[in-house]
Amino acid sequence: MRYLIAALLVFAFSASANEDGWFPISLKDKYVHIPITLNGIETTAILDTGTVSNYISKDFVAKHGSNLSKGGVTKIANSWDDEFYQVYNEVPIKIFDTEFKMDDLIESDLPSGDVVIGMHFFRFYILQVDYPNKQIRMLDRKSVNMKKYNNIESRVEGDHGVPIVKLSVNKEKDAWFLLDTASPLGLTIDRSLSEKRDWLRDYKTGRVTLKELNQEVEMNQLEIPMLKIGPFEIEKIATAVPDKGHSLDLRPRYEKSFSRIKGKKLRGSVGFDVLKHFIVTIEYQTGFVHISG
């Protein structure tokens, strides 16, 4: 059934999009919003390459979900504790002009939109997000040789299936970062690296509150002077760093926490304020990533 839905989505994508296969999106609140109809209600879903699961808003369930079919519960690790969340199955959804029923939607407090779509939803295809022109499309993996066009050192984590990329921060440190379309800032960086490089001392500008699944996190805000991503360099990157005594906690995005991927130590995430400059192309099966201006 999942293969059939994926095939139908690609067909619908080409049928409803423009002649090049692009489908319009919005970038409200610094998230990639895809128009959907959920249980008969027109709303939006946000694309989140930092998670493999799919989520549904608690507010939406309270207002429009009295008829939804409950499944079991699932445990998600939050920064303060492990909590259990309700799962919904057979939820009617229409996306890219294709109607079907989605299983395993986890009820959560969402930072934006009424659904979060994780990257496994697109795992059989190549996904392109054109930030400057506010459009998105899916491509058949056979249509593009991503190994040939890959222009940034990248990987995909085997168990969780999340894309990570190697960046050069401030021409001082090359490190691995989660490629995260649901992070509104340019970078989040762990405190130990920031302290070691004196970035907290030299570049702190104030405080910032980040909205994440099921929580809000207050952090130090920095402005990193320079970031190299693939062949491109960007100046003045909005960056968040945890407070002293706190680690950079990615666990609310997963059912199982991780900090090291195939021997690659993850030092943070790269998000909207960096990605907004580019067309980002990701092949989830291989982890190949291409960015273009």
Foldseek 3Di string as FASTA:
>chain_A
DLVVVLVVLQVLQCVQDPVVSKDFFDCPPNFTWFWKQWLNRTWTETEKLLAQAKAFEPVCCVVPNPPWAWDQWAWFQDQVGIDIWIWTWQIWMAGSNDTGGHGGHTYWHAPDIGMYHYDNSQQQWKKKAFLQVRIIGTHHPVVDDLVVQQQFDWFAFDPGLHIWTWKQFLVPDTAIATATAPWNFFKEFEPVVCVVVVQCVPFFDAKDWTDHIHDIAIFTWGFGAWMDGRPDIDGGGIYTYHDPPDTDFSRNRYSDGDQAGPNGGHGIHGYRVVPSVWIWMANSVGSGIHTDD
